[in-house]
C-alpha cells in the first residue's frame, strides 16, 4: 500500500541520518548527578533546593542509573523462545496482524489451540 511505502521511505531516511550511534558524554551520569547534588547542598536559593530535591529523588536516580546502563551497553542480550503446550519451541512467538474495516466496528478473537495452531 502507499501508506506502507511512505513509512518505509521515512524509516530509510531516519536510518541513514542516524547511522552513527551516539556515545555517552560521560560513562556515569549518576556520578555527575551526585557531584552536582553535593555542590548544591550549601545553596540557599529556592531553585537550588528544588534542583537538589529533584536530583536526589529515588525516581530520578533510577532513571539516570538506567540511562547509564543502556548508554554503556551493560545489559544482557537474550533470545526469547516460547514453548507451546505440545512441548515444542515456537520460533515465532509474536506475529503482527493488521485488519482494517472502514464502515463497521471491528471485533476479533484470537484463540490458540492445544496443538499450537492459532485461529481468528
PDB file of N, CA and C in Angstrom:
ATOM      1  N   UNK A   1       0.836  -1.182   0.000  1.00  0.00           N
ATOM      2  CA  UNK A   1       0.000   0.000   0.000  1.00  0.00           C
ATOM      3  C   UNK A   1       0.881   1.245   0.000  1.00  0.00           C
ATOM      4  N   UNK A   2       0.292   2.353  -0.386  1.00  0.00           N
ATOM      5  CA  UNK A   2       1.034   3.614  -0.431  1.00  0.00           C
ATOM      6  C   UNK A   2       1.493   4.038   0.963  1.00  0.00           C
ATOM      7  N   UNK A   3       0.648   3.782   1.952  1.00  0.00           N
ATOM      8  CA  UNK A   3       0.999   4.149   3.330  1.00  0.00           C
ATOM      9  C   UNK A   3       2.230   3.387   3.793  1.00  0.00           C
ATOM     10  N   UNK A   4       2.280   2.107   3.498  1.00  0.00           N
ATOM     11  CA  UNK A   4       3.421   1.282   3.882  1.00  0.00           C
ATOM     12  C   UNK A   4       4.696   1.765   3.202  1.00  0.00           C
ATOM     13  N   UNK A   5       4.616   2.053   1.905  1.00  0.00           N
ATOM     14  CA  UNK A   5       5.799   2.525   1.182  1.00  0.00           C
ATOM     15  C   UNK A   5       6.271   3.876   1.724  1.00  0.00           C
ATOM     16  N   UNK A   6       5.342   4.740   2.095  1.00  0.00           N
ATOM     17  CA  UNK A   6       5.708   6.031   2.682  1.00  0.00           C
ATOM     18  C   UNK A   6       6.421   5.835   4.011  1.00  0.00           C
ATOM     19  N   UNK A   7       5.902   4.920   4.835  1.00  0.00           N
ATOM     20  CA  UNK A   7       6.533   4.636   6.123  1.00  0.00           C
ATOM     21  C   UNK A   7       7.924   4.035   5.942  1.00  0.00           C
ATOM     22  N   UNK A   8       8.080   3.165   4.960  1.00  0.00           N
ATOM     23  CA  UNK A   8       9.391   2.575   4.692  1.00  0.00           C
ATOM     24  C   UNK A   8      10.382   3.645   4.244  1.00  0.00           C
ATOM     25  N   UNK A   9       9.926   4.593   3.435  1.00  0.00           N
ATOM     26  CA  UNK A   9      10.791   5.676   2.979  1.00  0.00           C
ATOM     27  C   UNK A   9      11.248   6.528   4.159  1.00  0.00           C
ATOM     28  N   UNK A  10      10.311   6.852   5.065  1.00  0.00           N
ATOM     29  CA  UNK A  10      10.662   7.623   6.262  1.00  0.00           C
ATOM     30  C   UNK A  10      11.661   6.843   7.108  1.00  0.00           C
ATOM     31  N   UNK A  11      11.423   5.547   7.285  1.00  0.00           N
ATOM     32  CA  UNK A  11      12.330   4.700   8.070  1.00  0.00           C
ATOM     33  C   UNK A  11      13.735   4.701   7.466  1.00  0.00           C
ATOM     34  N   UNK A  12      13.827   4.573   6.157  1.00  0.00           N
ATOM     35  CA  UNK A  12      15.133   4.558   5.498  1.00  0.00           C
ATOM     36  C   UNK A  12      15.858   5.886   5.666  1.00  0.00           C
ATOM     37  N   UNK A  13      15.120   6.997   5.577  1.00  0.00           N
ATOM     38  CA  UNK A  13      15.733   8.313   5.752  1.00  0.00           C
ATOM     39  C   UNK A  13      16.255   8.493   7.172  1.00  0.00           C
ATOM     40  N   UNK A  14      15.439   8.086   8.150  1.00  0.00           N
ATOM     41  CA  UNK A  14      15.856   8.207   9.548  1.00  0.00           C
ATOM     42  C   UNK A  14      17.046   7.297   9.817  1.00  0.00           C
ATOM     43  N   UNK A  15      17.021   6.095   9.282  1.00  0.00           N
ATOM     44  CA  UNK A  15      18.128   5.154   9.491  1.00  0.00           C
ATOM     45  C   UNK A  15      19.426   5.680   8.892  1.00  0.00           C
ATOM     46  N   UNK A  16      19.353   6.261   7.717  1.00  0.00           N
ATOM     47  CA  UNK A  16      20.572   6.769   7.099  1.00  0.00           C
ATOM     48  C   UNK A  16      21.088   8.017   7.823  1.00  0.00           C
ATOM     49  N   UNK A  17      20.186   8.823   8.384  1.00  0.00           N
ATOM     50  CA  UNK A  17      20.597  10.032   9.097  1.00  0.00           C
ATOM     51  C   UNK A  17      21.218   9.710  10.448  1.00  0.00           C
ATOM     52  N   UNK A  18      20.840   8.586  11.028  1.00  0.00           N
ATOM     53  CA  UNK A  18      21.358   8.211  12.341  1.00  0.00           C
ATOM     54  C   UNK A  18      22.249   6.984  12.255  1.00  0.00           C
ATOM     55  N   UNK A  19      23.071   6.913  11.206  1.00  0.00           N
ATOM     56  CA  UNK A  19      23.911   5.730  11.040  1.00  0.00           C
ATOM     57  C   UNK A  19      25.032   5.668  12.077  1.00  0.00           C
ATOM     58  N   UNK A  20      25.436   6.812  12.617  1.00  0.00           N
ATOM     59  CA  UNK A  20      26.468   6.830  13.644  1.00  0.00           C
ATOM     60  C   UNK A  20      25.785   6.816  15.007  1.00  0.00           C
ATOM     61  N   UNK A  21      26.088   5.804  15.776  1.00  0.00           N
ATOM     62  CA  UNK A  21      25.462   5.680  17.094  1.00  0.00           C
ATOM     63  C   UNK A  21      26.013   6.740  18.039  1.00  0.00           C
ATOM     64  N   UNK A  22      25.137   7.396  18.792  1.00  0.00           N
ATOM     65  CA  UNK A  22      25.628   8.393  19.751  1.00  0.00           C
ATOM     66  C   UNK A  22      26.383   7.707  20.881  1.00  0.00           C
ATOM     67  N   UNK A  23      27.354   8.422  21.429  1.00  0.00           N
ATOM     68  CA  UNK A  23      28.087   7.852  22.553  1.00  0.00           C
ATOM     69  C   UNK A  23      27.871   8.752  23.762  1.00  0.00           C
ATOM     70  N   UNK A  24      27.905   8.175  24.959  1.00  0.00           N
ATOM     71  CA  UNK A  24      27.676   8.982  26.157  1.00  0.00           C
ATOM     72  C   UNK A  24      28.814   9.978  26.380  1.00  0.00           C
ATOM     73  N   UNK A  25      28.463  11.153  26.892  1.00  0.00           N
ATOM     74  CA  UNK A  25      29.458  12.178  27.186  1.00  0.00           C
ATOM     75  C   UNK A  25      30.332  11.730  28.351  1.00  0.00           C
ATOM     76  N   UNK A  26      29.712  11.093  29.316  1.00  0.00           N
ATOM     77  CA  UNK A  26      30.437  10.578  30.479  1.00  0.00           C
ATOM     78  C   UNK A  26      29.965   9.144  30.730  1.00  0.00           C
ATOM     79  N   UNK A  27      30.833   8.275  31.203  1.00  0.00           N
ATOM     80  CA  UNK A  27      30.398   6.897  31.449  1.00  0.00           C
ATOM     81  C   UNK A  27      29.451   6.767  32.641  1.00  0.00           C
ATOM     82  N   UNK A  28      29.373   7.812  33.469  1.00  0.00           N
ATOM     83  CA  UNK A  28      28.497   7.730  34.626  1.00  0.00           C
ATOM     84  C   UNK A  28      27.795   9.062  34.874  1.00  0.00           C
ATOM     85  N   UNK A  29      26.619   9.210  34.305  1.00  0.00           N
ATOM     86  CA  UNK A  29      25.813  10.404  34.558  1.00  0.00           C
ATOM     87  C   UNK A  29      25.360  10.420  36.014  1.00  0.00           C
ATOM     88  N   UNK A  30      25.229   9.252  36.618  1.00  0.00           N
ATOM     89  CA  UNK A  30      24.818   9.169  38.015  1.00  0.00           C
ATOM     90  C   UNK A  30      25.869   9.804  38.937  1.00  0.00           C
ATOM     91  N   UNK A  31      27.132   9.525  38.657  1.00  0.00           N
ATOM     92  CA  UNK A  31      28.204  10.146  39.436  1.00  0.00           C
ATOM     93  C   UNK A  31      28.174  11.661  39.274  1.00  0.00           C
ATOM     94  N   UNK A  32      27.961  12.125  38.054  1.00  0.00           N
ATOM     95  CA  UNK A  32      27.873  13.556  37.793  1.00  0.00           C
ATOM     96  C   UNK A  32      26.696  14.181  38.543  1.00  0.00           C
ATOM     97  N   UNK A  33      25.553  13.495  38.553  1.00  0.00           N
ATOM     98  CA  UNK A  33      24.376  13.992  39.277  1.00  0.00           C
ATOM     99  C   UNK A  33      24.661  14.068  40.777  1.00  0.00           C
ATOM    100  N   UNK A  34      25.362  13.089  41.314  1.00  0.00           N
ATOM    101  CA  UNK A  34      25.707  13.109  42.742  1.00  0.00           C
ATOM    102  C   UNK A  34      26.687  14.247  43.053  1.00  0.00           C
ATOM    103  N   UNK A  35      27.588  14.527  42.133  1.00  0.00           N
ATOM    104  CA  UNK A  35      28.521  15.635  42.325  1.00  0.00           C
ATOM    105  C   UNK A  35      27.766  16.968  42.326  1.00  0.00           C
ATOM    106  N   UNK A  36      26.820  17.127  41.431  1.00  0.00           N
ATOM    107  CA  UNK A  36      26.015  18.348  41.384  1.00  0.00           C
ATOM    108  C   UNK A  36      25.204  18.483  42.670  1.00  0.00           C
ATOM    109  N   UNK A  37      24.612  17.383  43.136  1.00  0.00           N
ATOM    110  CA  UNK A  37      23.837  17.414  44.385  1.00  0.00           C
ATOM    111  C   UNK A  37      24.729  17.814  45.553  1.00  0.00           C
ATOM    112  N   UNK A  38      25.950  17.319  45.595  1.00  0.00           N
ATOM    113  CA  UNK A  38      26.892  17.670  46.662  1.00  0.00           C
ATOM    114  C   UNK A  38      27.186  19.173  46.642  1.00  0.00           C
ATOM    115  N   UNK A  39      27.375  19.719  45.426  1.00  0.00           N
ATOM    116  CA  UNK A  39      27.647  21.154  45.292  1.00  0.00           C
ATOM    117  C   UNK A  39      26.439  22.007  45.656  1.00  0.00           C
ATOM    118  N   UNK A  40      25.241  21.471  45.479  1.00  0.00           N
ATOM    119  CA  UNK A  40      24.019  22.228  45.771  1.00  0.00           C
ATOM    120  C   UNK A  40      23.647  22.220  47.248  1.00  0.00           C
ATOM    121  N   UNK A  41      24.247  21.352  48.039  1.00  0.00           N
ATOM    122  CA  UNK A  41      23.868  21.227  49.448  1.00  0.00           C
ATOM    123  C   UNK A  41      23.980  22.536  50.223  1.00  0.00           C
ATOM    124  N   UNK A  42      24.961  23.360  49.962  1.00  0.00           N
ATOM    125  CA  UNK A  42      25.148  24.585  50.724  1.00  0.00           C
ATOM    126  C   UNK A  42      24.380  25.780  50.187  1.00  0.00           C
ATOM    127  N   UNK A  43      23.682  25.620  49.069  1.00  0.00           N
ATOM    128  CA  UNK A  43      22.984  26.756  48.459  1.00  0.00           C
ATOM    129  C   UNK A  43      21.635  26.992  49.137  1.00  0.00           C
ATOM    130  N   UNK A  44      21.264  28.276  49.260  1.00  0.00           N
ATOM    131  CA  UNK A  44      20.025  28.628  49.950  1.00  0.00           C
ATOM    132  C   UNK A  44      18.887  29.034  49.022  1.00  0.00           C
ATOM    133  N   UNK A  45      19.144  29.222  47.755  1.00  0.00           N
ATOM    134  CA  UNK A  45      18.078  29.698  46.867  1.00  0.00           C
ATOM    135  C   UNK A  45      17.027  28.604  46.657  1.00  0.00           C
ATOM    136  N   UNK A  46      15.773  29.006  46.436  1.00  0.00           N
ATOM    137  CA  UNK A  46      14.712  28.012  46.215  1.00  0.00           C
ATOM    138  C   UNK A  46      14.959  27.146  44.975  1.00  0.00           C
ATOM    139  N   UNK A  47      15.552  27.743  43.948  1.00  0.00           N
ATOM    140  CA  UNK A  47      15.841  26.970  42.730  1.00  0.00           C
ATOM    141  C   UNK A  47      16.887  25.897  42.997  1.00  0.00           C
ATOM    142  N   UNK A  48      17.893  26.242  43.777  1.00  0.00           N
ATOM    143  CA  UNK A  48      18.934  25.274  44.130  1.00  0.00           C
ATOM    144  C   UNK A  48      18.351  24.128  44.948  1.00  0.00           C
ATOM    145  N   UNK A  49      17.484  24.462  45.886  1.00  0.00           N
ATOM    146  CA  UNK A  49      16.861  23.440  46.719  1.00  0.00           C
ATOM    147  C   UNK A  49      15.960  22.534  45.879  1.00  0.00           C
ATOM    148  N   UNK A  50      15.245  23.139  44.935  1.00  0.00           N
ATOM    149  CA  UNK A  50      14.370  22.348  44.062  1.00  0.00           C
ATOM    150  C   UNK A  50      15.188  21.393  43.202  1.00  0.00           C
ATOM    151  N   UNK A  51      16.297  21.882  42.640  1.00  0.00           N
ATOM    152  CA  UNK A  51      17.168  21.022  41.833  1.00  0.00           C
ATOM    153  C   UNK A  51      17.782  19.923  42.689  1.00  0.00           C
ATOM    154  N   UNK A  52      18.204  20.251  43.899  1.00  0.00           N
ATOM    155  CA  UNK A  52      18.765  19.246  44.812  1.00  0.00           C
ATOM    156  C   UNK A  52      17.728  18.155  45.103  1.00  0.00           C
ATOM    157  N   UNK A  53      16.487  18.573  45.416  1.00  0.00           N
ATOM    158  CA  UNK A  53      15.428  17.605  45.707  1.00  0.00           C
ATOM    159  C   UNK A  53      15.152  16.710  44.500  1.00  0.00           C
ATOM    160  N   UNK A  54      15.189  17.301  43.324  1.00  0.00           N
ATOM    161  CA  UNK A  54      14.933  16.538  42.104  1.00  0.00           C
ATOM    162  C   UNK A  54      16.043  15.528  41.843  1.00  0.00           C
ATOM    163  N   UNK A  55      17.288  15.994  41.903  1.00  0.00           N
ATOM    164  CA  UNK A  55      18.428  15.115  41.608  1.00  0.00           C
ATOM    165  C   UNK A  55      18.552  13.982  42.625  1.00  0.00           C
ATOM    166  N   UNK A  56      18.200  14.241  43.864  1.00  0.00           N
ATOM    167  CA  UNK A  56      18.362  13.218  44.900  1.00  0.00           C
ATOM    168  C   UNK A  56      17.126  12.341  45.083  1.00  0.00           C
ATOM    169  N   UNK A  57      16.087  12.572  44.295  1.00  0.00           N
ATOM    170  CA  UNK A  57      14.896  11.721  44.429  1.00  0.00           C
ATOM    171  C   UNK A  57      15.195  10.321  43.898  1.00  0.00           C
ATOM    172  N   UNK A  58      14.608   9.302  44.496  1.00  0.00           N
ATOM    173  CA  UNK A  58      14.901   7.930  44.064  1.00  0.00           C
ATOM    174  C   UNK A  58      14.452   7.642  42.626  1.00  0.00           C
ATOM    175  N   UNK A  59      13.409   8.319  42.170  1.00  0.00           N
ATOM    176  CA  UNK A  59      12.918   8.068  40.806  1.00  0.00           C
ATOM    177  C   UNK A  59      13.901   8.586  39.764  1.00  0.00           C
ATOM    178  N   UNK A  60      14.398   9.798  39.968  1.00  0.00           N
ATOM    179  CA  UNK A  60      15.383  10.364  39.041  1.00  0.00           C
ATOM    180  C   UNK A  60      16.683   9.568  39.123  1.00  0.00           C
ATOM    181  N   UNK A  61      17.043   9.160  40.307  1.00  0.00           N
ATOM    182  CA  UNK A  61      18.237   8.334  40.489  1.00  0.00           C
ATOM    183  C   UNK A  61      18.123   7.050  39.666  1.00  0.00           C
ATOM    184  N   UNK A  62      16.949   6.423  39.696  1.00  0.00           N
ATOM    185  CA  UNK A  62      16.732   5.179  38.937  1.00  0.00           C
ATOM    186  C   UNK A  62      16.780   5.433  37.437  1.00  0.00           C
ATOM    187  N   UNK A  63      16.209   6.549  36.993  1.00  0.00           N
ATOM    188  CA  UNK A  63      16.226   6.872  35.561  1.00  0.00           C
ATOM    189  C   UNK A  63      17.660   7.113  35.087  1.00  0.00           C
ATOM    190  N   UNK A  64      18.424   7.880  35.847  1.00  0.00           N
ATOM    191  CA  UNK A  64      19.812   8.159  35.462  1.00  0.00           C
ATOM    192  C   UNK A  64      20.644   6.878  35.489  1.00  0.00           C
ATOM    193  N   UNK A  65      20.421   6.042  36.479  1.00  0.00           N
ATOM    194  CA  UNK A  65      21.127   4.762  36.550  1.00  0.00           C
ATOM    195  C   UNK A  65      20.786   3.884  35.348  1.00  0.00           C
ATOM    196  N   UNK A  66      19.512   3.855  34.975  1.00  0.00           N
ATOM    197  CA  UNK A  66      19.097   3.084  33.792  1.00  0.00           C
ATOM    198  C   UNK A  66      19.732   3.653  32.541  1.00  0.00           C
ATOM    199  N   UNK A  67      19.783   4.972  32.451  1.00  0.00           N
ATOM    200  CA  UNK A  67      20.427   5.615  31.309  1.00  0.00           C
ATOM    201  C   UNK A  67      21.888   5.174  31.196  1.00  0.00           C
ATOM    202  N   UNK A  68      22.590   5.182  32.318  1.00  0.00           N
ATOM    203  CA  UNK A  68      23.996   4.778  32.306  1.00  0.00           C
ATOM    204  C   UNK A  68      24.166   3.347  31.822  1.00  0.00           C
ATOM    205  N   UNK A  69      23.295   2.471  32.285  1.00  0.00           N
ATOM    206  CA  UNK A  69      23.403   1.055  31.871  1.00  0.00           C
ATOM    207  C   UNK A  69      23.165   0.890  30.382  1.00  0.00           C
ATOM    208  N   UNK A  70      22.179   1.596  29.849  1.00  0.00           N
ATOM    209  CA  UNK A  70      21.890   1.494  28.415  1.00  0.00           C
ATOM    210  C   UNK A  70      22.991   2.166  27.604  1.00  0.00           C
ATOM    211  N   UNK A  71      23.416   3.360  28.031  1.00  0.00           N
ATOM    212  CA  UNK A  71      24.453   4.090  27.300  1.00  0.00           C
ATOM    213  C   UNK A  71      25.763   3.309  27.249  1.00  0.00           C
ATOM    214  N   UNK A  72      26.068   2.588  28.306  1.00  0.00           N
ATOM    215  CA  UNK A  72      27.294   1.794  28.354  1.00  0.00           C
ATOM    216  C   UNK A  72      27.088   0.347  27.923  1.00  0.00           C
ATOM    217  N   UNK A  73      25.890   0.055  27.445  1.00  0.00           N
ATOM    218  CA  UNK A  73      25.532  -1.283  26.941  1.00  0.00           C
ATOM    219  C   UNK A  73      25.793  -2.370  27.972  1.00  0.00           C
ATOM    220  N   UNK A  74      25.364  -2.108  29.207  1.00  0.00           N
ATOM    221  CA  UNK A  74      25.534  -3.056  30.308  1.00  0.00           C
ATOM    222  C   UNK A  74      24.259  -3.855  30.532  1.00  0.00           C
ATOM    223  N   UNK A  75      23.778  -4.491  29.504  1.00  0.00           N
ATOM    224  CA  UNK A  75      22.560  -5.279  29.632  1.00  0.00           C
ATOM    225  C   UNK A  75      22.745  -6.580  28.865  1.00  0.00           C
ATOM    226  N   UNK A  76      22.171  -7.648  29.380  1.00  0.00           N
ATOM    227  CA  UNK A  76      22.303  -8.927  28.684  1.00  0.00           C
ATOM    228  C   UNK A  76      21.400  -8.964  27.456  1.00  0.00           C
ATOM    229  N   UNK A  77      21.899  -9.532  26.398  1.00  0.00           N
ATOM    230  CA  UNK A  77      21.093  -9.722  25.204  1.00  0.00           C
ATOM    231  C   UNK A  77      20.602 -11.159  25.240  1.00  0.00           C
ATOM    232  N   UNK A  78      19.289 -11.297  25.283  1.00  0.00           N
ATOM    233  CA  UNK A  78      18.706 -12.626  25.417  1.00  0.00           C
ATOM    234  C   UNK A  78      17.787 -12.906  24.246  1.00  0.00           C
ATOM    235  N   UNK A  79      17.800 -14.134  23.839  1.00  0.00           N
ATOM    236  CA  UNK A  79      16.873 -14.586  22.822  1.00  0.00           C
ATOM    237  C   UNK A  79      15.710 -15.253  23.528  1.00  0.00           C
ATOM    238  N   UNK A  80      14.508 -14.896  23.145  1.00  0.00           N
ATOM    239  CA  UNK A  80      13.331 -15.428  23.808  1.00  0.00           C
ATOM    240  C   UNK A  80      12.620 -16.384  22.865  1.00  0.00           C
ATOM    241  N   UNK A  81      12.370 -17.577  23.311  1.00  0.00           N
ATOM    242  CA  UNK A  81      11.606 -18.550  22.559  1.00  0.00           C
ATOM    243  C   UNK A  81      10.507 -19.068  23.478  1.00  0.00           C
ATOM    244  N   UNK A  82       9.324 -19.229  22.928  1.00  0.00           N
ATOM    245  CA  UNK A  82       8.208 -19.695  23.744  1.00  0.00           C
ATOM    246  C   UNK A  82       7.943 -21.165  23.460  1.00  0.00           C
ATOM    247  N   UNK A  83       7.685 -21.898  24.522  1.00  0.00           N
ATOM    248  CA  UNK A  83       7.371 -23.313  24.378  1.00  0.00           C
ATOM    249  C   UNK A  83       5.862 -23.459  24.286  1.00  0.00           C
ATOM    250  N   UNK A  84       5.412 -24.202  23.286  1.00  0.00           N
ATOM    251  CA  UNK A  84       3.979 -24.420  23.131  1.00  0.00           C
ATOM    252  C   UNK A  84       3.545 -25.527  24.065  1.00  0.00           C
ATOM    253  N   UNK A  85       2.238 -25.720  24.159  1.00  0.00           N
ATOM    254  CA  UNK A  85       1.717 -26.745  25.055  1.00  0.00           C
ATOM    255  C   UNK A  85       2.133 -28.152  24.622  1.00  0.00           C
ATOM    256  N   UNK A  86       2.503 -28.331  23.357  1.00  0.00           N
ATOM    257  CA  UNK A  86       2.942 -29.639  22.874  1.00  0.00           C
ATOM    258  C   UNK A  86       4.384 -29.944  23.203  1.00  0.00           C
ATOM    259  N   UNK A  87       5.089 -28.994  23.829  1.00  0.00           N
ATOM    260  CA  UNK A  87       6.468 -29.229  24.205  1.00  0.00           C
ATOM    261  C   UNK A  87       7.473 -28.765  23.171  1.00  0.00           C
ATOM    262  N   UNK A  88       7.023 -28.306  22.013  1.00  0.00           N
ATOM    263  CA  UNK A  88       7.970 -27.846  21.003  1.00  0.00           C
ATOM    264  C   UNK A  88       8.193 -26.340  21.154  1.00  0.00           C
ATOM    265  N   UNK A  89       9.314 -25.881  20.655  1.00  0.00           N
ATOM    266  CA  UNK A  89       9.670 -24.472  20.749  1.00  0.00           C
ATOM    267  C   UNK A  89       9.064 -23.734  19.556  1.00  0.00           C
ATOM    268  N   UNK A  90       8.331 -22.679  19.862  1.00  0.00           N
ATOM    269  CA  UNK A  90       7.741 -21.842  18.824  1.00  0.00           C
ATOM    270  C   UNK A  90       8.737 -20.734  18.519  1.00  0.00           C
ATOM    271  N   UNK A  91       9.309 -20.744  17.305  1.00  0.00           N
ATOM    272  CA  UNK A  91      10.336 -19.773  16.970  1.00  0.00           C
ATOM    273  C   UNK A  91       9.775 -18.393  16.657  1.00  0.00           C
ATOM    274  N   UNK A  92       8.490 -18.288  16.398  1.00  0.00           N
ATOM    275  CA  UNK A  92       7.868 -17.004  16.127  1.00  0.00           C
ATOM    276  C   UNK A  92       6.745 -16.779  17.138  1.00  0.00           C
ATOM    277  N   UNK A  93       7.104 -16.381  18.371  1.00  0.00           N
ATOM    278  CA  UNK A  93       6.077 -16.231  19.397  1.00  0.00           C
ATOM    279  C   UNK A  93       5.152 -15.054  19.163  1.00  0.00           C
ATOM    280  N   UNK A  94       5.594 -14.062  18.390  1.00  0.00           N
ATOM    281  CA  UNK A  94       4.770 -12.888  18.152  1.00  0.00           C
ATOM    282  C   UNK A  94       4.558 -12.725  16.665  1.00  0.00           C
ATOM    283  N   UNK A  95       3.327 -12.555  16.276  1.00  0.00           N
ATOM    284  CA  UNK A  95       3.010 -12.298  14.884  1.00  0.00           C
ATOM    285  C   UNK A  95       2.187 -11.030  14.820  1.00  0.00           C
ATOM    286  N   UNK A  96       2.515 -10.162  13.880  1.00  0.00           N
ATOM    287  CA  UNK A  96       1.782  -8.923  13.719  1.00  0.00           C
ATOM    288  C   UNK A  96       0.719  -9.112  12.651  1.00  0.00           C
ATOM    289  N   UNK A  97      -0.491  -8.707  12.983  1.00  0.00           N
ATOM    290  CA  UNK A  97      -1.610  -8.837  12.071  1.00  0.00           C
ATOM    291  C   UNK A  97      -2.281  -7.481  11.964  1.00  0.00           C
ATOM    292  N   UNK A  98      -2.588  -7.062  10.756  1.00  0.00           N
ATOM    293  CA  UNK A  98      -3.305  -5.811  10.561  1.00  0.00           C
ATOM    294  C   UNK A  98      -4.616  -6.124   9.868  1.00  0.00           C
ATOM    295  N   UNK A  99      -5.705  -5.712  10.494  1.00  0.00           N
ATOM    296  CA  UNK A  99      -7.038  -5.924   9.947  1.00  0.00           C
ATOM    297  C   UNK A  99      -7.727  -4.572   9.882  1.00  0.00           C
ATOM    298  N   UNK A 100      -8.257  -4.238   8.717  1.00  0.00           N
ATOM    299  CA  UNK A 100      -8.955  -2.965   8.559  1.00  0.00           C
ATOM    300  C   UNK A 100     -10.390  -3.219   8.129  1.00  0.00           C
ATOM    301  N   UNK A 101     -11.273  -2.422   8.674  1.00  0.00           N
ATOM    302  CA  UNK A 101     -12.666  -2.433   8.257  1.00  0.00           C
ATOM    303  C   UNK A 101     -13.129  -0.995   8.391  1.00  0.00           C
ATOM    304  N   UNK A 102     -13.602  -0.413   7.312  1.00  0.00           N
ATOM    305  CA  UNK A 102     -13.831   1.026   7.302  1.00  0.00           C
ATOM    306  C   UNK A 102     -15.227   1.457   7.729  1.00  0.00           C
ATOM    307  N   UNK A 103     -16.224   0.620   7.644  1.00  0.00           N
ATOM    308  CA  UNK A 103     -17.583   1.090   7.907  1.00  0.00           C
ATOM    309  C   UNK A 103     -18.145   0.678   9.258  1.00  0.00           C
ATOM    310  N   UNK A 104     -17.811  -0.501   9.750  1.00  0.00           N
ATOM    311  CA  UNK A 104     -18.381  -1.004  10.997  1.00  0.00           C
ATOM    312  C   UNK A 104     -17.290  -1.201  12.035  1.00  0.00           C
ATOM    313  N   UNK A 105     -17.672  -1.198  13.323  1.00  0.00           N
ATOM    314  CA  UNK A 105     -16.679  -1.539  14.356  1.00  0.00           C
ATOM    315  C   UNK A 105     -16.156  -2.948  14.117  1.00  0.00           C
ATOM    316  N   UNK A 106     -14.918  -3.154  14.412  1.00  0.00           N
ATOM    317  CA  UNK A 106     -14.281  -4.436  14.154  1.00  0.00           C
ATOM    318  C   UNK A 106     -13.966  -5.118  15.474  1.00  0.00           C
ATOM    319  N   UNK A 107     -14.352  -6.360  15.574  1.00  0.00           N
ATOM    320  CA  UNK A 107     -14.022  -7.153  16.746  1.00  0.00           C
ATOM    321  C   UNK A 107     -13.356  -8.428  16.275  1.00  0.00           C
ATOM    322  N   UNK A 108     -12.343  -8.864  16.972  1.00  0.00           N
ATOM    323  CA  UNK A 108     -11.651 -10.088  16.590  1.00  0.00           C
ATOM    324  C   UNK A 108     -11.255 -10.843  17.851  1.00  0.00           C
ATOM    325  N   UNK A 109     -11.358 -12.149  17.784  1.00  0.00           N
ATOM    326  CA  UNK A 109     -10.931 -13.004  18.873  1.00  0.00           C
ATOM    327  C   UNK A 109      -9.850 -13.917  18.337  1.00  0.00           C
ATOM    328  N   UNK A 110      -8.736 -13.946  18.986  1.00  0.00           N
ATOM    329  CA  UNK A 110      -7.636 -14.809  18.582  1.00  0.00           C
ATOM    330  C   UNK A 110      -7.517 -15.909  19.621  1.00  0.00           C
ATOM    331  N   UNK A 111      -7.602 -17.154  19.158  1.00  0.00           N
ATOM    332  CA  UNK A 111      -7.505 -18.297  20.058  1.00  0.00           C
ATOM    333  C   UNK A 111      -6.328 -19.172  19.650  1.00  0.00           C
ATOM    334  N   UNK A 112      -5.650 -19.699  20.656  1.00  0.00           N
ATOM    335  CA  UNK A 112      -4.553 -20.627  20.411  1.00  0.00           C
ATOM    336  C   UNK A 112      -4.990 -21.995  20.898  1.00  0.00           C
ATOM    337  N   UNK A 113      -5.031 -22.945  20.001  1.00  0.00           N
ATOM    338  CA  UNK A 113      -5.473 -24.297  20.327  1.00  0.00           C
ATOM    339  C   UNK A 113      -4.364 -25.073  21.031  1.00  0.00           C
ATOM    340  N   UNK A 114      -4.731 -26.199  21.625  1.00  0.00           N
ATOM    341  CA  UNK A 114      -3.760 -27.022  22.351  1.00  0.00           C
ATOM    342  C   UNK A 114      -2.657 -27.552  21.427  1.00  0.00           C
ATOM    343  N   UNK A 115      -2.974 -27.722  20.145  1.00  0.00           N
ATOM    344  CA  UNK A 115      -1.969 -28.222  19.201  1.00  0.00           C
ATOM    345  C   UNK A 115      -1.023 -27.122  18.715  1.00  0.00           C
ATOM    346  N   UNK A 116      -1.221 -25.886  19.200  1.00  0.00           N
ATOM    347  CA  UNK A 116      -0.330 -24.791  18.837  1.00  0.00           C
ATOM    348  C   UNK A 116      -0.838 -23.940  17.682  1.00  0.00           C
ATOM    349  N   UNK A 117      -1.928 -24.338  17.066  1.00  0.00           N
ATOM    350  CA  UNK A 117      -2.453 -23.557  15.962  1.00  0.00           C
ATOM    351  C   UNK A 117      -3.213 -22.346  16.473  1.00  0.00           C
ATOM    352  N   UNK A 118      -3.303 -21.336  15.642  1.00  0.00           N
ATOM    353  CA  UNK A 118      -3.973 -20.098  16.003  1.00  0.00           C
ATOM    354  C   UNK A 118      -5.130 -19.864  15.062  1.00  0.00           C
ATOM    355  N   UNK A 119      -6.245 -19.424  15.637  1.00  0.00           N
ATOM    356  CA  UNK A 119      -7.404 -19.119  14.798  1.00  0.00           C
ATOM    357  C   UNK A 119      -7.967 -17.773  15.207  1.00  0.00           C
ATOM    358  N   UNK A 120      -8.555 -17.089  14.212  1.00  0.00           N
ATOM    359  CA  UNK A 120      -9.160 -15.773  14.457  1.00  0.00           C
ATOM    360  C   UNK A 120     -10.666 -15.916  14.307  1.00  0.00           C
TER     361      UNK A 120
END
